[in-house]
Amino acid sequence: MADLIGSIVKDVVEGVLKEILKKTTRSGTTRRRKRQTRSATTGRFVRKTKKRVKAPARKQVSRRRTAAKRSRQRGV
């Protein structure tokens, strides 16, 4: 009787371990590849040129005069 229970438990444990190991393998979605263009003359793949990244706008250094300051300057 104990031998029968032992074999049942062993089979269940083996089945569970197989399930766990089967799910850990990488079976997700495959990554899509981007299309590559071929050269018309040689037929080889052509490298695409990267777009040039624009530098961010520079901060304003000189202070702008207010309307009151400009009118005072004209009066002098």
C-alpha atoms as a PDB file:
ATOM      1  CA  MET A   1       0.000   0.000   0.000  1.00  0.00           C
ATOM      2  CA  ALA A   2       2.797   2.404   0.944  1.00  0.00           C
ATOM      3  CA  ASP A   3       4.580   1.447  -2.277  1.00  0.00           C
ATOM      4  CA  LEU A   4       1.477   2.354  -4.326  1.00  0.00           C
ATOM      5  CA  ILE A   5       1.111   5.771  -2.638  1.00  0.00           C
ATOM      6  CA  GLY A   6       4.847   6.414  -3.095  1.00  0.00           C
ATOM      7  CA  SER A   7       4.673   5.702  -6.836  1.00  0.00           C
ATOM      8  CA  ILE A   8       1.577   7.933  -7.252  1.00  0.00           C
ATOM      9  CA  VAL A   9       3.290  10.812  -5.413  1.00  0.00           C
ATOM     10  CA  LYS A  10       6.441  10.299  -7.493  1.00  0.00           C
ATOM     11  CA  ASP A  11       4.449  10.415 -10.767  1.00  0.00           C
ATOM     12  CA  VAL A  12       2.605  13.577  -9.682  1.00  0.00           C
ATOM     13  CA  VAL A  13       5.850  15.323  -8.677  1.00  0.00           C
ATOM     14  CA  GLU A  14       7.521  14.384 -11.982  1.00  0.00           C
ATOM     15  CA  GLY A  15       4.523  15.671 -13.951  1.00  0.00           C
ATOM     16  CA  VAL A  16       4.517  18.976 -12.067  1.00  0.00           C
ATOM     17  CA  LEU A  17       8.266  19.432 -12.587  1.00  0.00           C
ATOM     18  CA  LYS A  18       7.896  18.769 -16.321  1.00  0.00           C
ATOM     19  CA  GLU A  19       5.113  21.384 -16.535  1.00  0.00           C
ATOM     20  CA  ILE A  20       7.217  23.972 -14.705  1.00  0.00           C
ATOM     21  CA  LEU A  21      10.299  23.353 -16.834  1.00  0.00           C
ATOM     22  CA  LYS A  22       8.271  23.416 -20.046  1.00  0.00           C
ATOM     23  CA  LYS A  23       6.842  26.867 -19.244  1.00  0.00           C
ATOM     24  CA  THR A  24      10.206  28.433 -18.396  1.00  0.00           C
ATOM     25  CA  THR A  25      11.511  28.045 -21.946  1.00  0.00           C
ATOM     26  CA  ARG A  26      11.249  31.183 -24.041  1.00  0.00           C
ATOM     27  CA  SER A  27       8.121  30.785 -26.113  1.00  0.00           C
ATOM     28  CA  GLY A  28       7.012  34.409 -26.393  1.00  0.00           C
ATOM     29  CA  THR A  29       6.382  36.530 -29.453  1.00  0.00           C
ATOM     30  CA  THR A  30       9.153  36.728 -32.024  1.00  0.00           C
ATOM     31  CA  ARG A  31      10.703  40.108 -32.769  1.00  0.00           C
ATOM     32  CA  ARG A  32       9.798  41.611 -36.124  1.00  0.00           C
ATOM     33  CA  ARG A  33      12.611  42.517 -38.476  1.00  0.00           C
ATOM     34  CA  LYS A  34      12.678  45.781 -40.372  1.00  0.00           C
ATOM     35  CA  ARG A  35      12.867  45.587 -44.133  1.00  0.00           C
ATOM     36  CA  GLN A  36      16.233  46.211 -45.733  1.00  0.00           C
ATOM     37  CA  THR A  37      16.681  47.801 -49.127  1.00  0.00           C
ATOM     38  CA  ARG A  38      19.035  46.251 -51.661  1.00  0.00           C
ATOM     39  CA  SER A  39      21.368  48.068 -54.001  1.00  0.00           C
ATOM     40  CA  ALA A  40      20.209  48.104 -57.624  1.00  0.00           C
ATOM     41  CA  THR A  41      23.720  47.464 -58.974  1.00  0.00           C
ATOM     42  CA  THR A  42      25.312  44.969 -56.556  1.00  0.00           C
ATOM     43  CA  GLY A  43      22.230  43.458 -54.927  1.00  0.00           C
ATOM     44  CA  ARG A  44      23.709  43.804 -51.444  1.00  0.00           C
ATOM     45  CA  PHE A  45      21.904  45.325 -48.496  1.00  0.00           C
ATOM     46  CA  VAL A  46      22.277  49.097 -48.235  1.00  0.00           C
ATOM     47  CA  ARG A  47      22.799  50.791 -44.889  1.00  0.00           C
ATOM     48  CA  LYS A  48      20.251  53.469 -44.117  1.00  0.00           C
ATOM     49  CA  THR A  49      21.649  56.879 -43.197  1.00  0.00           C
ATOM     50  CA  LYS A  50      20.651  58.028 -39.727  1.00  0.00           C
ATOM     51  CA  LYS A  51      18.760  61.285 -39.385  1.00  0.00           C
ATOM     52  CA  ARG A  52      20.825  64.057 -37.835  1.00  0.00           C
ATOM     53  CA  VAL A  53      19.564  64.963 -34.386  1.00  0.00           C
ATOM     54  CA  LYS A  54      19.033  68.693 -33.915  1.00  0.00           C
ATOM     55  CA  ALA A  55      20.677  70.283 -30.898  1.00  0.00           C
ATOM     56  CA  PRO A  56      18.261  71.791 -28.365  1.00  0.00           C
ATOM     57  CA  ALA A  57      17.663  75.552 -28.521  1.00  0.00           C
ATOM     58  CA  ARG A  58      20.155  77.670 -26.612  1.00  0.00           C
ATOM     59  CA  LYS A  59      19.026  79.631 -23.593  1.00  0.00           C
ATOM     60  CA  GLN A  60      18.629  83.391 -23.924  1.00  0.00           C
ATOM     61  CA  VAL A  61      21.680  85.043 -22.378  1.00  0.00           C
ATOM     62  CA  SER A  62      21.094  88.797 -22.676  1.00  0.00           C
ATOM     63  CA  ARG A  63      18.158  90.206 -20.731  1.00  0.00           C
ATOM     64  CA  ARG A  64      15.427  91.808 -22.759  1.00  0.00           C
ATOM     65  CA  ARG A  65      14.522  95.410 -21.830  1.00  0.00           C
ATOM     66  CA  THR A  66      11.026  96.114 -20.600  1.00  0.00           C
ATOM     67  CA  ALA A  67       8.869  98.827 -22.164  1.00  0.00           C
ATOM     68  CA  ALA A  68       9.431 101.095 -19.134  1.00  0.00           C
ATOM     69  CA  LYS A  69      13.229 100.802 -19.406  1.00  0.00           C
ATOM     70  CA  ARG A  70      13.113 101.602 -23.143  1.00  0.00           C
ATOM     71  CA  SER A  71      10.998 104.705 -22.609  1.00  0.00           C
ATOM     72  CA  ARG A  72      13.386 105.916 -19.889  1.00  0.00           C
ATOM     73  CA  GLN A  73      16.349 105.404 -22.217  1.00  0.00           C
ATOM     74  CA  ARG A  74      14.671 107.529 -24.930  1.00  0.00           C
ATOM     75  CA  GLY A  75      14.032 110.339 -22.455  1.00  0.00           C
ATOM     76  CA  VAL A  76      17.723 110.770 -21.570  1.00  0.00           C
END
